[in-house]
Amino acid sequence: MKWLRRKHEDVSRPIAPGEEPVCEHVVLIPTWDSAADIGRDDAISGYRCESCGTHFTAEEGARLRASESERVSRRIAS
Protein backbone atom coordinates (compact mmCIF):
# COMPACT_ATOMS: atom_id res chain seq x y z
CA MET A 1 0.00 0.00 0.00
CA LYS A 2 3.00 2.25 -0.52
CA TRP A 3 1.21 4.11 -3.31
CA LEU A 4 -1.60 5.11 -0.94
CA ARG A 5 0.85 6.67 1.50
CA ARG A 6 2.55 8.58 -1.31
CA LYS A 7 -0.81 9.81 -2.61
CA HIS A 8 -1.74 10.99 0.86
CA GLU A 9 1.63 12.72 1.30
CA ASP A 10 1.25 14.50 -2.06
CA VAL A 11 -2.23 15.74 -1.20
CA SER A 12 -1.30 16.99 2.25
CA ARG A 13 1.81 18.87 1.06
CA PRO A 14 1.01 22.59 0.93
CA ILE A 15 1.48 24.28 -2.43
CA ALA A 16 4.00 27.10 -2.31
CA PRO A 17 2.88 30.53 -3.55
CA GLY A 18 3.39 30.76 -7.31
CA GLU A 19 3.67 26.98 -7.66
CA GLU A 20 1.11 25.43 -9.99
CA PRO A 21 -0.20 21.95 -9.16
CA VAL A 22 0.68 19.37 -11.80
CA CYS A 23 -2.14 17.27 -13.21
CA GLU A 24 -1.19 13.93 -14.74
CA HIS A 25 -4.43 13.83 -16.80
CA VAL A 26 -5.02 10.20 -15.87
CA VAL A 27 -8.83 10.18 -15.93
CA LEU A 28 -9.79 11.24 -19.45
CA ILE A 29 -13.49 11.31 -20.33
CA PRO A 30 -14.24 10.96 -24.05
CA THR A 31 -16.63 13.43 -25.70
CA TRP A 32 -18.65 13.08 -28.90
CA ASP A 33 -20.20 15.65 -31.21
CA SER A 34 -23.56 13.88 -31.44
CA ALA A 35 -25.55 11.57 -29.21
CA ALA A 36 -25.77 9.00 -32.00
CA ASP A 37 -21.97 8.61 -31.89
CA ILE A 38 -21.72 7.92 -28.15
CA GLY A 39 -19.82 4.70 -27.52
CA ARG A 40 -18.07 4.63 -30.89
CA ASP A 41 -14.29 4.92 -30.45
CA ASP A 42 -13.83 6.06 -34.04
CA ALA A 43 -16.20 9.03 -33.48
CA ILE A 44 -14.60 10.52 -30.34
CA SER A 45 -14.22 14.26 -30.88
CA GLY A 46 -12.08 14.99 -27.82
CA TYR A 47 -11.36 14.27 -24.18
CA ARG A 48 -11.86 16.13 -20.92
CA CYS A 49 -9.64 15.56 -17.88
CA GLU A 50 -11.89 14.80 -14.93
CA SER A 51 -9.31 16.10 -12.44
CA CYS A 52 -8.51 19.55 -13.82
CA GLY A 53 -11.15 20.04 -16.54
CA THR A 54 -8.68 20.59 -19.39
CA HIS A 55 -10.04 19.72 -22.84
CA PHE A 56 -7.92 17.81 -25.37
CA THR A 57 -8.39 17.01 -29.04
CA ALA A 58 -8.97 13.39 -30.00
CA GLU A 59 -5.31 13.08 -31.08
CA GLU A 60 -3.94 14.61 -27.87
CA GLY A 61 -6.21 12.40 -25.78
CA ALA A 62 -5.14 9.28 -27.63
CA ARG A 63 -1.49 10.19 -27.01
CA LEU A 64 -2.15 10.77 -23.31
CA ARG A 65 -4.05 7.50 -22.98
CA ALA A 66 -1.21 5.61 -24.67
CA SER A 67 1.35 6.97 -22.18
CA GLU A 68 -0.93 6.76 -19.13
CA SER A 69 0.69 3.78 -17.40
CA GLU A 70 4.18 5.23 -17.90
CA ARG A 71 3.16 8.59 -16.40
CA VAL A 72 1.43 6.98 -13.43
CA SER A 73 4.41 4.68 -12.75
CA ARG A 74 6.78 7.65 -12.93
CA ARG A 75 4.59 9.64 -10.53
CA ILE A 76 4.38 6.78 -8.02
CA ALA A 77 8.15 6.22 -8.15
CA SER A 78 8.95 9.87 -7.40
C-alpha atoms as a PDB file:
ATOM      1  CA  MET A   1       0.000   0.000   0.000  1.00  0.00           C
ATOM      2  CA  LYS A   2       3.000   2.246  -0.521  1.00  0.00           C
ATOM      3  CA  TRP A   3       1.207   4.114  -3.312  1.00  0.00           C
ATOM      4  CA  LEU A   4      -1.598   5.111  -0.939  1.00  0.00           C
ATOM      5  CA  ARG A   5       0.853   6.671   1.498  1.00  0.00           C
ATOM      6  CA  ARG A   6       2.548   8.581  -1.312  1.00  0.00           C
ATOM      7  CA  LYS A   7      -0.808   9.808  -2.615  1.00  0.00           C
ATOM      8  CA  HIS A   8      -1.745  10.994   0.865  1.00  0.00           C
ATOM      9  CA  GLU A   9       1.627  12.717   1.297  1.00  0.00           C
ATOM     10  CA  ASP A  10       1.252  14.496  -2.056  1.00  0.00           C
ATOM     11  CA  VAL A  11      -2.234  15.743  -1.204  1.00  0.00           C
ATOM     12  CA  SER A  12      -1.297  16.986   2.248  1.00  0.00           C
ATOM     13  CA  ARG A  13       1.807  18.866   1.055  1.00  0.00           C
ATOM     14  CA  PRO A  14       1.011  22.585   0.929  1.00  0.00           C
ATOM     15  CA  ILE A  15       1.478  24.280  -2.435  1.00  0.00           C
ATOM     16  CA  ALA A  16       4.002  27.103  -2.309  1.00  0.00           C
ATOM     17  CA  PRO A  17       2.881  30.532  -3.550  1.00  0.00           C
ATOM     18  CA  GLY A  18       3.388  30.764  -7.307  1.00  0.00           C
ATOM     19  CA  GLU A  19       3.671  26.981  -7.660  1.00  0.00           C
ATOM     20  CA  GLU A  20       1.113  25.432  -9.988  1.00  0.00           C
ATOM     21  CA  PRO A  21      -0.205  21.949  -9.156  1.00  0.00           C
ATOM     22  CA  VAL A  22       0.680  19.374 -11.802  1.00  0.00           C
ATOM     23  CA  CYS A  23      -2.141  17.269 -13.209  1.00  0.00           C
ATOM     24  CA  GLU A  24      -1.189  13.929 -14.744  1.00  0.00           C
ATOM     25  CA  HIS A  25      -4.432  13.832 -16.804  1.00  0.00           C
ATOM     26  CA  VAL A  26      -5.024  10.198 -15.866  1.00  0.00           C
ATOM     27  CA  VAL A  27      -8.835  10.181 -15.933  1.00  0.00           C
ATOM     28  CA  LEU A  28      -9.793  11.245 -19.453  1.00  0.00           C
ATOM     29  CA  ILE A  29     -13.491  11.314 -20.330  1.00  0.00           C
ATOM     30  CA  PRO A  30     -14.241  10.960 -24.047  1.00  0.00           C
ATOM     31  CA  THR A  31     -16.625  13.429 -25.697  1.00  0.00           C
ATOM     32  CA  TRP A  32     -18.648  13.077 -28.899  1.00  0.00           C
ATOM     33  CA  ASP A  33     -20.204  15.651 -31.211  1.00  0.00           C
ATOM     34  CA  SER A  34     -23.559  13.877 -31.441  1.00  0.00           C
ATOM     35  CA  ALA A  35     -25.554  11.574 -29.206  1.00  0.00           C
ATOM     36  CA  ALA A  36     -25.767   9.003 -32.000  1.00  0.00           C
ATOM     37  CA  ASP A  37     -21.972   8.607 -31.888  1.00  0.00           C
ATOM     38  CA  ILE A  38     -21.715   7.920 -28.148  1.00  0.00           C
ATOM     39  CA  GLY A  39     -19.825   4.700 -27.520  1.00  0.00           C
ATOM     40  CA  ARG A  40     -18.067   4.628 -30.892  1.00  0.00           C
ATOM     41  CA  ASP A  41     -14.292   4.918 -30.453  1.00  0.00           C
ATOM     42  CA  ASP A  42     -13.835   6.061 -34.042  1.00  0.00           C
ATOM     43  CA  ALA A  43     -16.202   9.029 -33.480  1.00  0.00           C
ATOM     44  CA  ILE A  44     -14.604  10.519 -30.338  1.00  0.00           C
ATOM     45  CA  SER A  45     -14.216  14.263 -30.880  1.00  0.00           C
ATOM     46  CA  GLY A  46     -12.082  14.986 -27.820  1.00  0.00           C
ATOM     47  CA  TYR A  47     -11.356  14.271 -24.181  1.00  0.00           C
ATOM     48  CA  ARG A  48     -11.860  16.131 -20.918  1.00  0.00           C
ATOM     49  CA  CYS A  49      -9.637  15.562 -17.879  1.00  0.00           C
ATOM     50  CA  GLU A  50     -11.889  14.799 -14.929  1.00  0.00           C
ATOM     51  CA  SER A  51      -9.313  16.102 -12.442  1.00  0.00           C
ATOM     52  CA  CYS A  52      -8.506  19.551 -13.823  1.00  0.00           C
ATOM     53  CA  GLY A  53     -11.154  20.039 -16.536  1.00  0.00           C
ATOM     54  CA  THR A  54      -8.682  20.589 -19.388  1.00  0.00           C
ATOM     55  CA  HIS A  55     -10.039  19.724 -22.844  1.00  0.00           C
ATOM     56  CA  PHE A  56      -7.924  17.813 -25.365  1.00  0.00           C
ATOM     57  CA  THR A  57      -8.393  17.012 -29.036  1.00  0.00           C
ATOM     58  CA  ALA A  58      -8.966  13.389 -30.003  1.00  0.00           C
ATOM     59  CA  GLU A  59      -5.313  13.077 -31.081  1.00  0.00           C
ATOM     60  CA  GLU A  60      -3.942  14.611 -27.872  1.00  0.00           C
ATOM     61  CA  GLY A  61      -6.213  12.402 -25.777  1.00  0.00           C
ATOM     62  CA  ALA A  62      -5.137   9.276 -27.631  1.00  0.00           C
ATOM     63  CA  ARG A  63      -1.487  10.193 -27.014  1.00  0.00           C
ATOM     64  CA  LEU A  64      -2.153  10.771 -23.311  1.00  0.00           C
ATOM     65  CA  ARG A  65      -4.048   7.504 -22.981  1.00  0.00           C
ATOM     66  CA  ALA A  66      -1.210   5.613 -24.673  1.00  0.00           C
ATOM     67  CA  SER A  67       1.346   6.967 -22.185  1.00  0.00           C
ATOM     68  CA  GLU A  68      -0.926   6.758 -19.135  1.00  0.00           C
ATOM     69  CA  SER A  69       0.688   3.778 -17.403  1.00  0.00           C
ATOM     70  CA  GLU A  70       4.180   5.231 -17.901  1.00  0.00           C
ATOM     71  CA  ARG A  71       3.155   8.594 -16.403  1.00  0.00           C
ATOM     72  CA  VAL A  72       1.433   6.975 -13.427  1.00  0.00           C
ATOM     73  CA  SER A  73       4.409   4.684 -12.755  1.00  0.00           C
ATOM     74  CA  ARG A  74       6.782   7.646 -12.933  1.00  0.00           C
ATOM     75  CA  ARG A  75       4.587   9.641 -10.527  1.00  0.00           C
ATOM     76  CA  ILE A  76       4.382   6.780  -8.024  1.00  0.00           C
ATOM     77  CA  ALA A  77       8.147   6.219  -8.151  1.00  0.00           C
ATOM     78  CA  SER A  78       8.951   9.873  -7.397  1.00  0.00           C
END
